Protein backbone atom coordinates (compact mmCIF):
# COMPACT_ATOMS: atom_id res chain seq x y z
CA MET A 1 -17.41 -11.98 -9.96
CA SER A 2 -16.50 -15.35 -7.94
CA ARG A 3 -13.56 -15.58 -5.16
CA THR A 4 -12.15 -18.45 -6.69
CA ALA A 5 -11.11 -16.37 -9.94
CA PHE A 6 -7.31 -15.45 -9.84
CA VAL A 7 -7.18 -11.83 -10.00
CA THR A 8 -3.76 -9.71 -8.85
CA ARG A 9 -3.20 -5.98 -9.80
CA PHE A 10 0.02 -4.06 -10.70
CA ALA A 11 -0.44 -0.31 -8.92
CA PRO A 12 1.79 1.57 -9.06
CA SER A 13 2.00 5.53 -8.21
CA PRO A 14 2.37 8.28 -10.91
CA THR A 15 4.73 10.48 -9.15
CA GLY A 16 7.91 9.20 -11.38
CA LEU A 17 9.28 6.59 -14.48
CA LEU A 18 9.34 3.42 -13.91
CA HIS A 19 12.62 1.39 -13.36
CA ARG A 20 13.19 -2.39 -13.19
CA GLY A 21 12.47 -2.88 -9.87
CA HIS A 22 8.66 -1.85 -11.12
CA ALA A 23 9.79 -4.34 -14.44
CA TYR A 24 10.00 -7.43 -12.27
CA SER A 25 7.11 -6.58 -10.23
CA ALA A 26 4.72 -6.36 -12.81
CA ILE A 27 5.71 -9.05 -15.48
CA LEU A 28 5.80 -11.51 -12.10
CA ALA A 29 2.09 -10.46 -11.91
CA HIS A 30 1.51 -10.90 -15.34
CA GLU A 31 2.50 -14.07 -15.48
CA ALA A 32 0.91 -15.08 -12.43
CA ALA A 33 -2.43 -14.05 -13.66
CA ARG A 34 -1.74 -15.86 -16.97
CA ALA A 35 -0.37 -19.16 -15.79
CA ALA A 36 -3.53 -19.29 -13.42
CA ARG A 37 -5.75 -18.12 -16.25
CA GLY A 38 -6.88 -15.29 -14.15
CA ARG A 39 -6.28 -10.92 -14.80
CA LEU A 40 -4.65 -8.84 -13.87
CA LEU A 41 -5.60 -5.49 -12.94
CA LEU A 42 -4.02 -1.58 -13.28
CA ARG A 43 -4.42 0.30 -10.50
CA ILE A 44 -3.03 4.06 -10.89
CA GLU A 45 -2.44 4.70 -6.88
CA ASP A 46 -2.76 8.55 -7.20
CA ILE A 47 -4.06 9.79 -4.22
CA ASP A 48 -1.06 12.55 -3.77
CA ALA A 49 -2.06 15.32 -5.64
CA VAL A 50 1.22 17.26 -5.00
CA ARG A 51 3.67 14.28 -6.29
CA CYS A 52 1.35 12.33 -8.85
CA ARG A 53 1.31 13.87 -12.76
CA PRO A 54 -0.73 12.67 -15.46
CA GLU A 55 2.55 12.67 -17.87
CA PHE A 56 3.82 9.68 -15.28
CA GLU A 57 0.79 7.69 -15.68
CA THR A 58 0.97 8.27 -19.34
CA ALA A 59 4.87 6.84 -19.08
CA ILE A 60 3.32 3.97 -16.68
CA ILE A 61 1.09 2.67 -19.63
CA ASP A 62 3.91 2.96 -22.21
CA ASP A 63 6.05 0.98 -20.37
CA LEU A 64 3.93 -1.70 -19.43
CA ALA A 65 2.80 -2.09 -23.50
CA TRP A 66 7.05 -2.07 -24.02
CA LEU A 67 7.18 -4.90 -21.89
CA GLY A 68 3.79 -6.84 -23.34
CA ILE A 69 2.09 -6.77 -20.59
CA ALA A 70 -1.99 -6.58 -20.92
CA TRP A 71 -4.61 -6.04 -17.87
CA ALA A 72 -8.21 -5.80 -18.19
CA ARG A 73 -9.78 -2.27 -18.30
CA PRO A 74 -10.67 -0.76 -17.40
CA LEU A 75 -7.69 1.08 -15.20
CA ARG A 76 -8.75 2.36 -11.42
CA ARG A 77 -7.61 5.56 -10.68
CA GLN A 78 -7.71 6.17 -6.94
CA SER A 79 -8.27 9.46 -7.24
CA ASP A 80 -11.73 9.01 -9.11
CA HIS A 81 -12.69 7.15 -6.13
CA LEU A 82 -12.43 9.36 -2.83
CA ALA A 83 -16.38 8.58 -2.08
CA ASP A 84 -15.23 4.47 -1.63
CA TYR A 85 -12.71 5.46 0.77
CA ALA A 86 -15.00 8.10 2.96
CA LYS A 87 -17.59 5.95 3.20
CA ALA A 88 -15.05 3.04 5.00
CA LEU A 89 -13.55 6.30 6.90
CA GLY A 90 -16.96 6.80 8.26
CA GLN A 91 -17.76 3.29 9.00
CA LEU A 92 -15.03 3.43 11.70
CA GLY A 93 -15.44 6.79 12.93
CA GLU A 94 -19.25 5.46 14.09
CA ARG A 95 -17.82 2.32 15.84
CA GLY A 96 -15.32 5.12 17.62
CA LEU A 97 -11.83 3.37 16.38
CA LEU A 98 -10.58 6.52 14.97
CA TYR A 99 -8.91 9.91 16.80
CA ARG A 100 -7.93 13.29 15.27
CA CYS A 101 -4.22 13.72 15.35
CA PHE A 102 -3.17 17.21 15.20
CA ARG A 103 1.33 16.56 15.26
CA THR A 104 3.35 17.47 12.71
CA ARG A 105 5.58 14.79 11.23
CA LYS A 106 8.85 16.53 13.59
CA GLU A 107 6.53 15.62 16.86
CA VAL A 108 5.44 12.35 16.12
CA LEU A 109 9.30 11.52 15.42
CA ASP A 110 9.96 13.09 18.66
CA GLU A 111 7.43 10.77 20.67
CA ILE A 112 8.79 7.38 18.67
CA SER A 113 11.98 8.26 20.09
CA ARG A 114 11.02 9.35 23.43
CA ALA A 115 9.24 5.86 23.68
CA PRO A 116 9.72 4.75 27.49
CA HIS A 117 11.52 1.19 26.42
CA GLY A 118 13.61 2.82 23.96
CA PRO A 119 13.14 4.43 20.49
CA THR A 120 10.49 2.43 18.10
CA GLU A 121 8.65 2.59 14.91
CA ALA A 122 5.64 2.56 15.85
CA PHE A 123 3.63 5.85 16.97
CA CYS A 124 0.65 5.11 19.66
CA GLY A 125 -0.36 8.81 20.76
CA GLY A 126 -4.33 8.46 21.48
CA PRO A 127 -6.59 11.34 21.52
CA TRP A 128 -6.24 14.46 22.88
CA PRO A 129 -8.12 16.08 25.75
CA ALA A 130 -11.43 16.88 24.77
CA ALA A 131 -11.07 20.58 25.74
CA ASP A 132 -7.92 20.90 23.63
CA GLU A 133 -9.46 19.04 20.49
CA ALA A 134 -12.09 21.77 21.12
CA ARG A 135 -9.61 24.26 21.08
CA LEU A 136 -7.62 23.61 18.00
CA LEU A 137 -10.42 22.82 15.52
CA ALA A 138 -11.99 26.07 16.70
CA SER A 139 -8.18 27.66 15.38
CA GLY A 140 -8.56 25.86 12.16
CA GLN A 141 -5.62 23.53 12.86
CA SER A 142 -5.60 20.84 10.27
CA PHE A 143 -4.98 17.26 11.32
CA ALA A 144 -4.92 13.47 10.21
CA TRP A 145 -7.33 10.62 11.07
CA ARG A 146 -5.76 7.86 13.14
CA LEU A 147 -7.04 4.39 13.75
CA SER A 148 -6.68 3.99 17.73
CA LEU A 149 -4.74 0.12 17.60
CA ALA A 150 -6.48 -0.04 21.56
CA ALA A 151 -9.80 0.43 20.33
CA ALA A 152 -9.49 -1.77 17.05
CA GLN A 153 -8.03 -4.30 19.23
CA ARG A 154 -11.41 -4.24 21.52
CA ALA A 155 -13.67 -4.13 18.77
CA LEU A 156 -12.25 -7.43 17.46
CA GLY A 157 -12.06 -9.32 20.70
CA SER A 158 -12.10 -12.92 20.60
CA ARG A 159 -11.05 -12.39 17.15
CA SER A 160 -8.26 -10.50 17.44
CA GLY A 161 -5.63 -13.36 16.49
CA LEU A 162 -5.20 -12.49 12.70
CA THR A 163 -3.71 -14.02 10.03
CA PHE A 164 -2.71 -14.01 6.56
CA VAL A 165 -1.77 -16.48 3.86
CA GLU A 166 2.23 -15.55 2.19
CA GLU A 167 3.19 -17.72 -0.79
CA GLY A 168 5.87 -15.84 -1.22
CA ALA A 169 8.53 -14.79 1.30
CA GLY A 170 8.96 -11.74 3.87
CA PRO A 171 12.28 -9.94 3.69
CA GLY A 172 12.89 -12.35 6.78
CA GLY A 173 12.00 -15.31 4.61
CA GLU A 174 8.35 -15.29 6.30
CA THR A 175 5.89 -17.74 4.51
CA GLY A 176 2.74 -19.55 4.80
CA THR A 177 0.57 -18.71 7.11
CA ILE A 178 1.02 -15.69 8.88
CA CYS A 179 0.56 -14.24 12.67
CA ALA A 180 -0.53 -10.73 11.91
CA GLN A 181 1.26 -8.06 14.22
CA PRO A 182 -0.19 -4.52 13.68
CA ALA A 183 0.85 -3.39 16.58
CA LEU A 184 4.49 -3.50 15.19
CA ALA A 185 2.58 0.12 13.15
CA GLY A 186 0.93 1.78 15.90
CA ASP A 187 -1.77 3.99 15.36
CA ILE A 188 -1.65 4.58 11.26
CA VAL A 189 -2.81 7.95 9.72
CA LEU A 190 -5.80 6.53 7.63
CA ALA A 191 -6.57 10.30 6.43
CA ARG A 192 -3.75 12.59 6.03
CA LYS A 193 -3.76 16.27 6.58
CA ASP A 194 -3.57 16.96 3.06
CA VAL A 195 -5.78 14.07 1.30
CA GLU A 196 -9.11 12.37 1.92
CA VAL A 197 -7.45 9.48 2.82
CA ALA A 198 -4.15 7.41 3.25
CA TYR A 199 -2.39 5.06 1.83
CA HIS A 200 -3.41 1.41 4.11
CA LEU A 201 -7.06 1.95 4.12
CA ALA A 202 -7.44 2.50 0.10
CA VAL A 203 -5.40 -0.15 -0.81
CA VAL A 204 -7.72 -1.93 1.92
CA VAL A 205 -10.93 -0.81 0.00
CA ASP A 206 -9.62 -1.60 -3.83
CA ASP A 207 -8.44 -4.74 -3.42
CA ALA A 208 -12.05 -5.47 -1.97
CA LEU A 209 -14.39 -3.78 -4.28
CA GLN A 210 -12.09 -5.20 -7.41
CA GLY A 211 -12.47 -8.27 -5.88
CA VAL A 212 -8.26 -9.18 -5.56
CA THR A 213 -7.69 -12.67 -4.60
CA HIS A 214 -3.61 -12.50 -4.64
CA VAL A 215 -1.64 -9.30 -4.16
CA VAL A 216 2.03 -9.76 -5.85
CA ARG A 217 4.70 -7.10 -4.64
CA GLY A 218 8.01 -6.42 -3.19
CA ALA A 219 8.80 -7.93 -0.15
CA ASP A 220 9.48 -4.45 1.00
CA LEU A 221 5.56 -4.24 1.58
CA PHE A 222 5.50 -7.28 4.06
CA ALA A 223 4.54 -5.24 6.51
CA ALA A 224 1.92 -3.85 5.58
CA ALA A 225 -0.01 -6.74 5.39
CA HIS A 226 -0.16 -6.91 8.93
CA VAL A 227 -1.64 -3.70 9.47
CA GLN A 228 -3.79 -4.30 6.07
CA ARG A 229 -5.03 -7.11 7.52
CA LEU A 230 -6.09 -5.81 10.42
CA LEU A 231 -8.13 -2.70 8.27
CA GLN A 232 -9.45 -5.68 6.07
CA ALA A 233 -11.24 -7.42 9.86
CA LEU A 234 -12.55 -4.05 11.18
CA LEU A 235 -14.35 -3.58 7.36
CA ASP A 236 -15.55 -7.61 7.21
CA LEU A 237 -13.48 -7.22 3.74
CA PRO A 238 -11.98 -10.42 2.63
CA SER A 239 -8.39 -10.93 3.03
CA PRO A 240 -6.25 -12.05 -0.18
CA ILE A 241 -3.86 -14.30 -0.58
CA TYR A 242 -0.13 -12.56 -0.38
CA ARG A 243 2.82 -13.07 -2.68
CA HIS A 244 6.02 -11.03 -1.54
CA HIS A 245 8.65 -11.26 -3.53
CA PRO A 246 12.42 -10.19 -3.13
CA LEU A 247 13.31 -6.98 -4.48
CA VAL A 248 15.72 -6.06 -7.46
CA LEU A 249 18.99 -4.30 -5.98
CA ARG A 250 21.57 -1.61 -7.92
CA ALA A 251 24.74 -2.61 -8.73
CA ASP A 252 25.96 -1.40 -5.16
CA GLY A 253 23.25 -3.15 -3.22
CA HIS A 254 20.69 -0.43 -2.90
CA ARG A 255 17.01 -0.73 -3.93
CA PHE A 256 15.71 1.05 -7.09
CA ALA A 257 14.09 3.77 -6.36
CA LYS A 258 12.30 6.95 -7.93
CA ARG A 259 13.86 9.42 -6.21
CA ASP A 260 17.59 8.15 -7.15
CA THR A 261 19.45 8.10 -10.41
CA ALA A 262 18.74 4.72 -11.42
CA GLU A 263 17.96 4.06 -15.18
CA THR A 264 14.40 4.30 -16.02
CA LEU A 265 12.40 2.16 -18.66
CA ARG A 266 12.45 4.94 -20.43
CA ASP A 267 16.01 4.91 -20.66
CA LEU A 268 16.35 1.76 -21.33
CA ARG A 269 13.91 1.83 -24.56
CA ALA A 270 16.23 5.01 -25.63
CA ARG A 271 19.28 3.24 -25.98
CA GLY A 272 18.00 0.30 -27.47
CA VAL A 273 17.30 -2.03 -24.73
CA THR A 274 14.36 -4.75 -25.43
CA ALA A 275 11.81 -5.97 -23.62
CA ALA A 276 13.38 -9.38 -24.02
CA ALA A 277 16.52 -8.47 -22.83
CA LEU A 278 15.42 -7.04 -19.89
CA ARG A 279 13.46 -10.28 -18.66
CA ALA A 280 16.75 -11.83 -19.16
CA GLU A 281 18.75 -9.69 -17.07
CA LEU A 282 15.87 -10.01 -14.70
CA GLY A 283 16.21 -13.52 -14.70
CA LEU A 284 12.61 -14.42 -15.68
């Protein structure tokens, strides 16, 4: 596939029903692909086996059909491609860029709050001493694989000054050529304790394997581009162009989320709202 062809994707997780925010992002991606005479891909990000359900995937497909959105077949389910992520994880591990993290989520948050220069969102714990790690492994303690930011920066050397192109805007209006700042995220998890992969690694591998040239998504994921740019460089993968868009907000000013009581697209259909009416409401 030529890298000059326009390829974007809509990549929901089947952990709940889609809402207006999803519709806005899906329509923008669809319109961008159509304007460029390119392709829109549908990717089901279902690596969370506990929260993802087949009925939600079915609902996603029904909602997109109602919106009039077409995508290139076949769709990609992340759960079908764990070997791709394991291969990338192995490549990073062979270069000494990963370490086992046995900490619980609470322990990570406690360490972040005790940072010497004040609380931060980034965690840089580093590997356990060899003896402690051997003891924990022998006891059967579960662990996550984290990317060592320090090791990654050493591996990149003179190439550590990474940038990515933003054709939309981040939450602070960031646009144009952006200097990637992966340090803001610290040592990210690349394989969770309960799953063989985590979000950032799966997304980077998928985008490269699917030939994605443009990523159209909400501005709430702008920070993810900094980390994903680092992984692209470490794995020698192409970097897509990003188009982050504003979020659709509820009447109370908060963003729509699956976990709240936001009216879903299924609810809208049930009360007779048409796809055209929703597009008009969203300003599309």
